[in-house]
C-alpha cells in the first residue's frame, strides 16, 4: 500500500471490500484465479495478491478485471444501506488518489 494507507482503518476497510467483491464475483462467474487472470491479461499471482488484500489494483487493472468478469464497475459503488453516498465518495477519492 502507499502513503501509509494501512494505518487508516477506513481506507483499509474499503480496500478489503474491493478485494472481497472481486473474489465473490470471480466465484459467482465460476472462474479460477488462473482463468480470470488469462481473461484479464494479468498474472495469476496478481489476481491472488489483489484478492488477498496484498496489492491495491490500479484503476486500469480494476477495469480489466471488471471487463473479464463482464461487470459494470459502478456496481461496486452501490452498497445496500444509507452509507451508499459516503462509501461511493470514499472509493472515488481513493481511485483519484491513485491515478
PDB file of N, CA and C in Angstrom:
ATOM      1  N   UNK A   1       0.838  -1.179   0.000  1.00  0.00           N
ATOM      2  CA  UNK A   1       0.000   0.000   0.000  1.00  0.00           C
ATOM      3  C   UNK A   1       0.882   1.241   0.000  1.00  0.00           C
ATOM      4  N   UNK A   2       0.295   2.341  -0.354  1.00  0.00           N
ATOM      5  CA  UNK A   2       1.079   3.562  -0.440  1.00  0.00           C
ATOM      6  C   UNK A   2       0.637   4.565   0.603  1.00  0.00           C
ATOM      7  N   UNK A   3       1.532   5.503   0.919  1.00  0.00           N
ATOM      8  CA  UNK A   3       1.226   6.628   1.798  1.00  0.00           C
ATOM      9  C   UNK A   3       0.615   6.184   3.126  1.00  0.00           C
ATOM     10  N   UNK A   4       1.115   5.096   3.691  1.00  0.00           N
ATOM     11  CA  UNK A   4       0.646   4.600   4.982  1.00  0.00           C
ATOM     12  C   UNK A   4      -0.854   4.351   5.015  1.00  0.00           C
ATOM     13  N   UNK A   5      -1.426   3.931   3.904  1.00  0.00           N
ATOM     14  CA  UNK A   5      -2.855   3.638   3.866  1.00  0.00           C
ATOM     15  C   UNK A   5      -3.234   2.558   4.864  1.00  0.00           C
ATOM     16  N   UNK A   6      -2.297   1.636   5.145  1.00  0.00           N
ATOM     17  CA  UNK A   6      -2.613   0.561   6.074  1.00  0.00           C
ATOM     18  C   UNK A   6      -2.866   1.079   7.484  1.00  0.00           C
ATOM     19  N   UNK A   7      -2.477   2.312   7.773  1.00  0.00           N
ATOM     20  CA  UNK A   7      -2.717   2.908   9.082  1.00  0.00           C
ATOM     21  C   UNK A   7      -4.098   3.543   9.200  1.00  0.00           C
ATOM     22  N   UNK A   8      -4.805   3.709   8.103  1.00  0.00           N
ATOM     23  CA  UNK A   8      -6.130   4.333   8.104  1.00  0.00           C
ATOM     24  C   UNK A   8      -7.180   3.225   8.037  1.00  0.00           C
ATOM     25  N   UNK A   9      -7.907   2.983   9.146  1.00  0.00           N
ATOM     26  CA  UNK A   9      -8.865   1.874   9.163  1.00  0.00           C
ATOM     27  C   UNK A   9      -9.973   2.018   8.122  1.00  0.00           C
ATOM     28  N   UNK A  10     -10.394   3.220   7.834  1.00  0.00           N
ATOM     29  CA  UNK A  10     -11.459   3.418   6.845  1.00  0.00           C
ATOM     30  C   UNK A  10     -10.984   3.032   5.454  1.00  0.00           C
ATOM     31  N   UNK A  11      -9.778   3.448   5.099  1.00  0.00           N
ATOM     32  CA  UNK A  11      -9.230   3.104   3.787  1.00  0.00           C
ATOM     33  C   UNK A  11      -8.979   1.607   3.705  1.00  0.00           C
ATOM     34  N   UNK A  12      -8.422   1.043   4.759  1.00  0.00           N
ATOM     35  CA  UNK A  12      -8.165  -0.402   4.780  1.00  0.00           C
ATOM     36  C   UNK A  12      -9.467  -1.172   4.605  1.00  0.00           C
ATOM     37  N   UNK A  13     -10.535  -0.721   5.248  1.00  0.00           N
ATOM     38  CA  UNK A  13     -11.842  -1.373   5.121  1.00  0.00           C
ATOM     39  C   UNK A  13     -12.346  -1.324   3.681  1.00  0.00           C
ATOM     40  N   UNK A  14     -12.199  -0.192   3.022  1.00  0.00           N
ATOM     41  CA  UNK A  14     -12.663  -0.050   1.639  1.00  0.00           C
ATOM     42  C   UNK A  14     -11.849  -0.927   0.691  1.00  0.00           C
ATOM     43  N   UNK A  15     -10.549  -0.992   0.910  1.00  0.00           N
ATOM     44  CA  UNK A  15      -9.701  -1.824   0.062  1.00  0.00           C
ATOM     45  C   UNK A  15     -10.033  -3.302   0.255  1.00  0.00           C
ATOM     46  N   UNK A  16     -10.328  -3.701   1.492  1.00  0.00           N
ATOM     47  CA  UNK A  16     -10.741  -5.077   1.751  1.00  0.00           C
ATOM     48  C   UNK A  16     -12.077  -5.363   1.064  1.00  0.00           C
ATOM     49  N   UNK A  17     -12.957  -4.377   1.039  1.00  0.00           N
ATOM     50  CA  UNK A  17     -14.255  -4.522   0.369  1.00  0.00           C
ATOM     51  C   UNK A  17     -14.057  -4.770  -1.131  1.00  0.00           C
ATOM     52  N   UNK A  18     -13.152  -4.030  -1.743  1.00  0.00           N
ATOM     53  CA  UNK A  18     -12.864  -4.212  -3.173  1.00  0.00           C
ATOM     54  C   UNK A  18     -12.317  -5.611  -3.424  1.00  0.00           C
ATOM     55  N   UNK A  19     -11.365  -6.049  -2.598  1.00  0.00           N
ATOM     56  CA  UNK A  19     -10.772  -7.379  -2.765  1.00  0.00           C
ATOM     57  C   UNK A  19     -11.832  -8.472  -2.613  1.00  0.00           C
ATOM     58  N   UNK A  20     -12.685  -8.343  -1.616  1.00  0.00           N
ATOM     59  CA  UNK A  20     -13.737  -9.328  -1.385  1.00  0.00           C
ATOM     60  C   UNK A  20     -14.734  -9.335  -2.543  1.00  0.00           C
ATOM     61  N   UNK A  21     -15.087  -8.162  -3.037  1.00  0.00           N
ATOM     62  CA  UNK A  21     -16.036  -8.057  -4.149  1.00  0.00           C
ATOM     63  C   UNK A  21     -15.488  -8.756  -5.393  1.00  0.00           C
ATOM     64  N   UNK A  22     -14.214  -8.528  -5.685  1.00  0.00           N
ATOM     65  CA  UNK A  22     -13.598  -9.167  -6.852  1.00  0.00           C
ATOM     66  C   UNK A  22     -13.640 -10.690  -6.694  1.00  0.00           C
ATOM     67  N   UNK A  23     -13.275 -11.190  -5.522  1.00  0.00           N
ATOM     68  CA  UNK A  23     -13.278 -12.629  -5.297  1.00  0.00           C
ATOM     69  C   UNK A  23     -14.690 -13.201  -5.407  1.00  0.00           C
ATOM     70  N   UNK A  24     -15.668 -12.537  -4.799  1.00  0.00           N
ATOM     71  CA  UNK A  24     -17.048 -13.017  -4.858  1.00  0.00           C
ATOM     72  C   UNK A  24     -17.555 -13.075  -6.297  1.00  0.00           C
ATOM     73  N   UNK A  25     -17.252 -12.046  -7.060  1.00  0.00           N
ATOM     74  CA  UNK A  25     -17.708 -12.014  -8.456  1.00  0.00           C
ATOM     75  C   UNK A  25     -16.999 -13.064  -9.305  1.00  0.00           C
ATOM     76  N   UNK A  26     -15.734 -13.317  -9.004  1.00  0.00           N
ATOM     77  CA  UNK A  26     -14.996 -14.375  -9.725  1.00  0.00           C
ATOM     78  C   UNK A  26     -15.622 -15.734  -9.430  1.00  0.00           C
ATOM     79  N   UNK A  27     -15.922 -15.984  -8.166  1.00  0.00           N
ATOM     80  CA  UNK A  27     -16.538 -17.251  -7.780  1.00  0.00           C
ATOM     81  C   UNK A  27     -17.943 -17.380  -8.364  1.00  0.00           C
ATOM     82  N   UNK A  28     -18.686 -16.272  -8.384  1.00  0.00           N
ATOM     83  CA  UNK A  28     -20.024 -16.283  -8.974  1.00  0.00           C
ATOM     84  C   UNK A  28     -19.950 -16.649 -10.464  1.00  0.00           C
ATOM     85  N   UNK A  29     -18.885 -16.188 -11.120  1.00  0.00           N
ATOM     86  CA  UNK A  29     -18.682 -16.495 -12.544  1.00  0.00           C
ATOM     87  C   UNK A  29     -18.094 -17.904 -12.747  1.00  0.00           C
ATOM     88  N   UNK A  30     -17.823 -18.592 -11.634  1.00  0.00           N
ATOM     89  CA  UNK A  30     -17.269 -19.952 -11.662  1.00  0.00           C
ATOM     90  C   UNK A  30     -15.940 -20.011 -12.400  1.00  0.00           C
ATOM     91  N   UNK A  31     -15.092 -19.018 -12.100  1.00  0.00           N
ATOM     92  CA  UNK A  31     -13.754 -18.959 -12.689  1.00  0.00           C
ATOM     93  C   UNK A  31     -12.709 -19.184 -11.608  1.00  0.00           C
ATOM     94  N   UNK A  32     -11.634 -19.836 -11.978  1.00  0.00           N
ATOM     95  CA  UNK A  32     -10.482 -19.936 -11.085  1.00  0.00           C
ATOM     96  C   UNK A  32      -9.696 -18.627 -11.184  1.00  0.00           C
ATOM     97  N   UNK A  33      -8.764 -18.445 -10.285  1.00  0.00           N
ATOM     98  CA  UNK A  33      -7.902 -17.266 -10.378  1.00  0.00           C
ATOM     99  C   UNK A  33      -7.105 -17.297 -11.676  1.00  0.00           C
ATOM    100  N   UNK A  34      -6.687 -18.471 -12.083  1.00  0.00           N
ATOM    101  CA  UNK A  34      -5.922 -18.596 -13.336  1.00  0.00           C
ATOM    102  C   UNK A  34      -6.784 -18.218 -14.532  1.00  0.00           C
ATOM    103  N   UNK A  35      -8.024 -18.693 -14.555  1.00  0.00           N
ATOM    104  CA  UNK A  35      -8.918 -18.352 -15.664  1.00  0.00           C
ATOM    105  C   UNK A  35      -9.183 -16.845 -15.716  1.00  0.00           C
ATOM    106  N   UNK A  36      -9.432 -16.247 -14.555  1.00  0.00           N
ATOM    107  CA  UNK A  36      -9.642 -14.801 -14.519  1.00  0.00           C
ATOM    108  C   UNK A  36      -8.398 -14.073 -14.994  1.00  0.00           C
ATOM    109  N   UNK A  37      -7.247 -14.524 -14.553  1.00  0.00           N
ATOM    110  CA  UNK A  37      -6.006 -13.847 -14.959  1.00  0.00           C
ATOM    111  C   UNK A  37      -5.808 -13.906 -16.472  1.00  0.00           C
ATOM    112  N   UNK A  38      -6.109 -15.052 -17.073  1.00  0.00           N
ATOM    113  CA  UNK A  38      -5.986 -15.174 -18.531  1.00  0.00           C
ATOM    114  C   UNK A  38      -6.983 -14.255 -19.241  1.00  0.00           C
ATOM    115  N   UNK A  39      -8.216 -14.216 -18.757  1.00  0.00           N
ATOM    116  CA  UNK A  39      -9.241 -13.360 -19.366  1.00  0.00           C
ATOM    117  C   UNK A  39      -8.926 -11.880 -19.213  1.00  0.00           C
ATOM    118  N   UNK A  40      -8.260 -11.516 -18.115  1.00  0.00           N
ATOM    119  CA  UNK A  40      -7.955 -10.109 -17.844  1.00  0.00           C
ATOM    120  C   UNK A  40      -6.575  -9.693 -18.337  1.00  0.00           C
ATOM    121  N   UNK A  41      -5.772 -10.652 -18.779  1.00  0.00           N
ATOM    122  CA  UNK A  41      -4.417 -10.329 -19.229  1.00  0.00           C
ATOM    123  C   UNK A  41      -3.481  -9.997 -18.078  1.00  0.00           C
ATOM    124  N   UNK A  42      -3.697 -10.653 -16.946  1.00  0.00           N
ATOM    125  CA  UNK A  42      -2.880 -10.436 -15.753  1.00  0.00           C
ATOM    126  C   UNK A  42      -2.288 -11.769 -15.314  1.00  0.00           C
ATOM    127  N   UNK A  43      -1.312 -11.730 -14.436  1.00  0.00           N
ATOM    128  CA  UNK A  43      -0.747 -12.977 -13.935  1.00  0.00           C
ATOM    129  C   UNK A  43      -1.638 -13.539 -12.828  1.00  0.00           C
ATOM    130  N   UNK A  44      -1.629 -14.859 -12.666  1.00  0.00           N
ATOM    131  CA  UNK A  44      -2.389 -15.450 -11.559  1.00  0.00           C
ATOM    132  C   UNK A  44      -1.947 -14.914 -10.201  1.00  0.00           C
ATOM    133  N   UNK A  45      -0.655 -14.653 -10.065  1.00  0.00           N
ATOM    134  CA  UNK A  45      -0.155 -14.100  -8.796  1.00  0.00           C
ATOM    135  C   UNK A  45      -0.733 -12.714  -8.525  1.00  0.00           C
ATOM    136  N   UNK A  46      -0.937 -11.940  -9.580  1.00  0.00           N
ATOM    137  CA  UNK A  46      -1.509 -10.597  -9.433  1.00  0.00           C
ATOM    138  C   UNK A  46      -2.945 -10.703  -8.903  1.00  0.00           C
ATOM    139  N   UNK A  47      -3.741 -11.608  -9.494  1.00  0.00           N
ATOM    140  CA  UNK A  47      -5.114 -11.809  -9.034  1.00  0.00           C
ATOM    141  C   UNK A  47      -5.117 -12.274  -7.583  1.00  0.00           C
ATOM    142  N   UNK A  48      -4.251 -13.247  -7.253  1.00  0.00           N
ATOM    143  CA  UNK A  48      -4.166 -13.747  -5.881  1.00  0.00           C
ATOM    144  C   UNK A  48      -3.833 -12.611  -4.912  1.00  0.00           C
ATOM    145  N   UNK A  49      -2.849 -11.801  -5.266  1.00  0.00           N
ATOM    146  CA  UNK A  49      -2.416 -10.713  -4.380  1.00  0.00           C
ATOM    147  C   UNK A  49      -3.518  -9.676  -4.161  1.00  0.00           C
ATOM    148  N   UNK A  50      -4.293  -9.401  -5.197  1.00  0.00           N
ATOM    149  CA  UNK A  50      -5.402  -8.448  -5.064  1.00  0.00           C
ATOM    150  C   UNK A  50      -6.479  -9.037  -4.156  1.00  0.00           C
ATOM    151  N   UNK A  51      -6.875 -10.282  -4.425  1.00  0.00           N
ATOM    152  CA  UNK A  51      -7.920 -10.914  -3.623  1.00  0.00           C
ATOM    153  C   UNK A  51      -7.492 -11.092  -2.169  1.00  0.00           C
ATOM    154  N   UNK A  52      -6.217 -11.290  -1.940  1.00  0.00           N
ATOM    155  CA  UNK A  52      -5.704 -11.465  -0.579  1.00  0.00           C
ATOM    156  C   UNK A  52      -5.498 -10.135   0.132  1.00  0.00           C
ATOM    157  N   UNK A  53      -5.713  -9.031  -0.583  1.00  0.00           N
ATOM    158  CA  UNK A  53      -5.533  -7.720   0.028  1.00  0.00           C
ATOM    159  C   UNK A  53      -4.079  -7.300   0.138  1.00  0.00           C
ATOM    160  N   UNK A  54      -3.209  -7.988  -0.580  1.00  0.00           N
ATOM    161  CA  UNK A  54      -1.782  -7.671  -0.537  1.00  0.00           C
ATOM    162  C   UNK A  54      -1.393  -6.599  -1.539  1.00  0.00           C
ATOM    163  N   UNK A  55      -2.234  -6.397  -2.556  1.00  0.00           N
ATOM    164  CA  UNK A  55      -1.974  -5.388  -3.588  1.00  0.00           C
ATOM    165  C   UNK A  55      -3.220  -4.564  -3.799  1.00  0.00           C
ATOM    166  N   UNK A  56      -3.015  -3.304  -4.092  1.00  0.00           N
ATOM    167  CA  UNK A  56      -4.104  -2.410  -4.453  1.00  0.00           C
ATOM    168  C   UNK A  56      -4.156  -2.378  -5.977  1.00  0.00           C
ATOM    169  N   UNK A  57      -5.295  -2.749  -6.566  1.00  0.00           N
ATOM    170  CA  UNK A  57      -5.338  -2.719  -8.030  1.00  0.00           C
ATOM    171  C   UNK A  57      -5.362  -1.285  -8.554  1.00  0.00           C
ATOM    172  N   UNK A  58      -4.532  -1.005  -9.534  1.00  0.00           N
ATOM    173  CA  UNK A  58      -4.600   0.282 -10.217  1.00  0.00           C
ATOM    174  C   UNK A  58      -5.934   0.345 -10.946  1.00  0.00           C
ATOM    175  N   UNK A  59      -6.359   1.510 -11.295  1.00  0.00           N
ATOM    176  CA  UNK A  59      -7.644   1.671 -11.956  1.00  0.00           C
ATOM    177  C   UNK A  59      -7.714   0.831 -13.234  1.00  0.00           C
ATOM    178  N   UNK A  60      -6.652   0.849 -14.033  1.00  0.00           N
ATOM    179  CA  UNK A  60      -6.638   0.066 -15.260  1.00  0.00           C
ATOM    180  C   UNK A  60      -6.768  -1.427 -14.988  1.00  0.00           C
ATOM    181  N   UNK A  61      -6.105  -1.897 -13.965  1.00  0.00           N
ATOM    182  CA  UNK A  61      -6.193  -3.306 -13.575  1.00  0.00           C
ATOM    183  C   UNK A  61      -7.604  -3.642 -13.115  1.00  0.00           C
ATOM    184  N   UNK A  62      -8.171  -2.769 -12.302  1.00  0.00           N
ATOM    185  CA  UNK A  62      -9.534  -2.960 -11.814  1.00  0.00           C
ATOM    186  C   UNK A  62     -10.513  -3.049 -12.988  1.00  0.00           C
ATOM    187  N   UNK A  63     -10.345  -2.172 -13.965  1.00  0.00           N
ATOM    188  CA  UNK A  63     -11.227  -2.182 -15.130  1.00  0.00           C
ATOM    189  C   UNK A  63     -11.039  -3.449 -15.974  1.00  0.00           C
ATOM    190  N   UNK A  64      -9.796  -3.935 -16.102  1.00  0.00           N
ATOM    191  CA  UNK A  64      -9.549  -5.183 -16.826  1.00  0.00           C
ATOM    192  C   UNK A  64     -10.260  -6.352 -16.139  1.00  0.00           C
ATOM    193  N   UNK A  65     -10.196  -6.373 -14.812  1.00  0.00           N
ATOM    194  CA  UNK A  65     -10.851  -7.439 -14.052  1.00  0.00           C
ATOM    195  C   UNK A  65     -12.362  -7.359 -14.243  1.00  0.00           C
ATOM    196  N   UNK A  66     -12.913  -6.159 -14.156  1.00  0.00           N
ATOM    197  CA  UNK A  66     -14.354  -5.983 -14.357  1.00  0.00           C
ATOM    198  C   UNK A  66     -14.769  -6.435 -15.753  1.00  0.00           C
ATOM    199  N   UNK A  67     -13.975  -6.088 -16.761  1.00  0.00           N
ATOM    200  CA  UNK A  67     -14.290  -6.485 -18.135  1.00  0.00           C
ATOM    201  C   UNK A  67     -14.235  -8.009 -18.269  1.00  0.00           C
ATOM    202  N   UNK A  68     -13.219  -8.623 -17.676  1.00  0.00           N
ATOM    203  CA  UNK A  68     -13.077 -10.081 -17.756  1.00  0.00           C
ATOM    204  C   UNK A  68     -14.239 -10.790 -17.053  1.00  0.00           C
ATOM    205  N   UNK A  69     -14.815 -10.144 -16.040  1.00  0.00           N
ATOM    206  CA  UNK A  69     -15.951 -10.714 -15.312  1.00  0.00           C
ATOM    207  C   UNK A  69     -17.290 -10.242 -15.880  1.00  0.00           C
ATOM    208  N   UNK A  70     -17.217  -9.423 -16.943  1.00  0.00           N
ATOM    209  CA  UNK A  70     -18.420  -8.868 -17.568  1.00  0.00           C
ATOM    210  C   UNK A  70     -19.264  -8.091 -16.550  1.00  0.00           C
ATOM    211  N   UNK A  71     -18.582  -7.247 -15.779  1.00  0.00           N
ATOM    212  CA  UNK A  71     -19.233  -6.461 -14.727  1.00  0.00           C
ATOM    213  C   UNK A  71     -19.107  -4.977 -14.997  1.00  0.00           C
ATOM    214  N   UNK A  72     -20.121  -4.247 -14.604  1.00  0.00           N
ATOM    215  CA  UNK A  72     -20.045  -2.790 -14.613  1.00  0.00           C
ATOM    216  C   UNK A  72     -19.360  -2.378 -13.308  1.00  0.00           C
ATOM    217  N   UNK A  73     -18.208  -1.692 -13.370  1.00  0.00           N
ATOM    218  CA  UNK A  73     -17.510  -1.326 -12.137  1.00  0.00           C
ATOM    219  C   UNK A  73     -18.344  -0.448 -11.209  1.00  0.00           C
ATOM    220  N   UNK A  74     -19.345   0.230 -11.743  1.00  0.00           N
ATOM    221  CA  UNK A  74     -20.204   1.071 -10.904  1.00  0.00           C
ATOM    222  C   UNK A  74     -20.972   0.239  -9.882  1.00  0.00           C
ATOM    223  N   UNK A  75     -21.131  -1.058 -10.155  1.00  0.00           N
ATOM    224  CA  UNK A  75     -21.838  -1.938  -9.218  1.00  0.00           C
ATOM    225  C   UNK A  75     -21.174  -1.922  -7.844  1.00  0.00           C
ATOM    226  N   UNK A  76     -19.867  -1.756  -7.829  1.00  0.00           N
ATOM    227  CA  UNK A  76     -19.135  -1.730  -6.570  1.00  0.00           C
ATOM    228  C   UNK A  76     -19.549  -0.542  -5.716  1.00  0.00           C
ATOM    229  N   UNK A  77     -20.017   0.509  -6.338  1.00  0.00           N
ATOM    230  CA  UNK A  77     -20.341   1.737  -5.621  1.00  0.00           C
ATOM    231  C   UNK A  77     -21.784   1.777  -5.144  1.00  0.00           C
ATOM    232  N   UNK A  78     -22.451   0.630  -5.051  1.00  0.00           N
ATOM    233  CA  UNK A  78     -23.855   0.606  -4.655  1.00  0.00           C
ATOM    234  C   UNK A  78     -24.089  -0.236  -3.407  1.00  0.00           C
ATOM    235  N   UNK A  79     -23.556   0.161  -2.244  1.00  0.00           N
ATOM    236  CA  UNK A  79     -23.870  -0.565  -1.021  1.00  0.00           C
ATOM    237  C   UNK A  79     -25.370  -0.469  -0.731  1.00  0.00           C
ATOM    238  N   UNK A  80     -25.933  -1.465  -0.059  1.00  0.00           N
ATOM    239  CA  UNK A  80     -27.378  -1.512   0.129  1.00  0.00           C
ATOM    240  C   UNK A  80     -27.943  -0.571   1.197  1.00  0.00           C
ATOM    241  N   UNK A  81     -27.118   0.071   1.993  1.00  0.00           N
ATOM    242  CA  UNK A  81     -27.649   0.876   3.086  1.00  0.00           C
ATOM    243  C   UNK A  81     -27.461   2.376   2.872  1.00  0.00           C
ATOM    244  N   UNK A  82     -27.803   3.159   3.887  1.00  0.00           N
ATOM    245  CA  UNK A  82     -27.769   4.621   3.747  1.00  0.00           C
ATOM    246  C   UNK A  82     -26.356   5.194   3.662  1.00  0.00           C
ATOM    247  N   UNK A  83     -25.341   4.388   3.882  1.00  0.00           N
ATOM    248  CA  UNK A  83     -23.966   4.866   3.762  1.00  0.00           C
ATOM    249  C   UNK A  83     -23.500   4.870   2.308  1.00  0.00           C
ATOM    250  N   UNK A  84     -24.409   4.602   1.412  1.00  0.00           N
ATOM    251  CA  UNK A  84     -24.079   4.485  -0.004  1.00  0.00           C
ATOM    252  C   UNK A  84     -23.288   5.669  -0.537  1.00  0.00           C
ATOM    253  N   UNK A  85     -23.773   6.868  -0.348  1.00  0.00           N
ATOM    254  CA  UNK A  85     -23.098   8.039  -0.900  1.00  0.00           C
ATOM    255  C   UNK A  85     -21.733   8.245  -0.251  1.00  0.00           C
ATOM    256  N   UNK A  86     -21.662   8.045   1.067  1.00  0.00           N
ATOM    257  CA  UNK A  86     -20.385   8.209   1.767  1.00  0.00           C
ATOM    258  C   UNK A  86     -19.371   7.174   1.267  1.00  0.00           C
ATOM    259  N   UNK A  87     -19.805   5.923   1.125  1.00  0.00           N
ATOM    260  CA  UNK A  87     -18.909   4.884   0.620  1.00  0.00           C
ATOM    261  C   UNK A  87     -18.469   5.187  -0.808  1.00  0.00           C
ATOM    262  N   UNK A  88     -19.395   5.644  -1.628  1.00  0.00           N
ATOM    263  CA  UNK A  88     -19.073   5.982  -3.016  1.00  0.00           C
ATOM    264  C   UNK A  88     -18.032   7.099  -3.064  1.00  0.00           C
ATOM    265  N   UNK A  89     -18.243   8.143  -2.273  1.00  0.00           N
ATOM    266  CA  UNK A  89     -17.295   9.259  -2.249  1.00  0.00           C
ATOM    267  C   UNK A  89     -15.916   8.805  -1.786  1.00  0.00           C
ATOM    268  N   UNK A  90     -15.881   7.948  -0.780  1.00  0.00           N
ATOM    269  CA  UNK A  90     -14.599   7.458  -0.272  1.00  0.00           C
ATOM    270  C   UNK A  90     -13.860   6.665  -1.336  1.00  0.00           C
ATOM    271  N   UNK A  91     -14.561   5.770  -2.022  1.00  0.00           N
ATOM    272  CA  UNK A  91     -13.925   4.946  -3.051  1.00  0.00           C
ATOM    273  C   UNK A  91     -13.470   5.802  -4.224  1.00  0.00           C
ATOM    274  N   UNK A  92     -14.295   6.754  -4.629  1.00  0.00           N
ATOM    275  CA  UNK A  92     -13.905   7.651  -5.726  1.00  0.00           C
ATOM    276  C   UNK A  92     -12.661   8.447  -5.334  1.00  0.00           C
ATOM    277  N   UNK A  93     -12.629   8.942  -4.098  1.00  0.00           N
ATOM    278  CA  UNK A  93     -11.452   9.675  -3.624  1.00  0.00           C
ATOM    279  C   UNK A  93     -10.209   8.778  -3.632  1.00  0.00           C
ATOM    280  N   UNK A  94     -10.370   7.518  -3.247  1.00  0.00           N
ATOM    281  CA  UNK A  94      -9.236   6.585  -3.282  1.00  0.00           C
ATOM    282  C   UNK A  94      -8.760   6.355  -4.706  1.00  0.00           C
ATOM    283  N   UNK A  95      -9.698   6.167  -5.622  1.00  0.00           N
ATOM    284  CA  UNK A  95      -9.327   5.966  -7.028  1.00  0.00           C
ATOM    285  C   UNK A  95      -8.606   7.194  -7.572  1.00  0.00           C
ATOM    286  N   UNK A  96      -9.116   8.382  -7.244  1.00  0.00           N
ATOM    287  CA  UNK A  96      -8.478   9.621  -7.704  1.00  0.00           C
ATOM    288  C   UNK A  96      -7.077   9.764  -7.123  1.00  0.00           C
ATOM    289  N   UNK A  97      -6.936   9.351  -5.873  1.00  0.00           N
ATOM    290  CA  UNK A  97      -5.643   9.462  -5.199  1.00  0.00           C
ATOM    291  C   UNK A  97      -4.575   8.627  -5.906  1.00  0.00           C
ATOM    292  N   UNK A  98      -4.968   7.489  -6.471  1.00  0.00           N
ATOM    293  CA  UNK A  98      -4.004   6.592  -7.091  1.00  0.00           C
ATOM    294  C   UNK A  98      -3.907   6.724  -8.596  1.00  0.00           C
ATOM    295  N   UNK A  99      -4.553   7.717  -9.168  1.00  0.00           N
ATOM    296  CA  UNK A  99      -4.432   7.930 -10.614  1.00  0.00           C
ATOM    297  C   UNK A  99      -3.167   8.650 -10.954  1.00  0.00           C
TER     298      UNK A  99
END
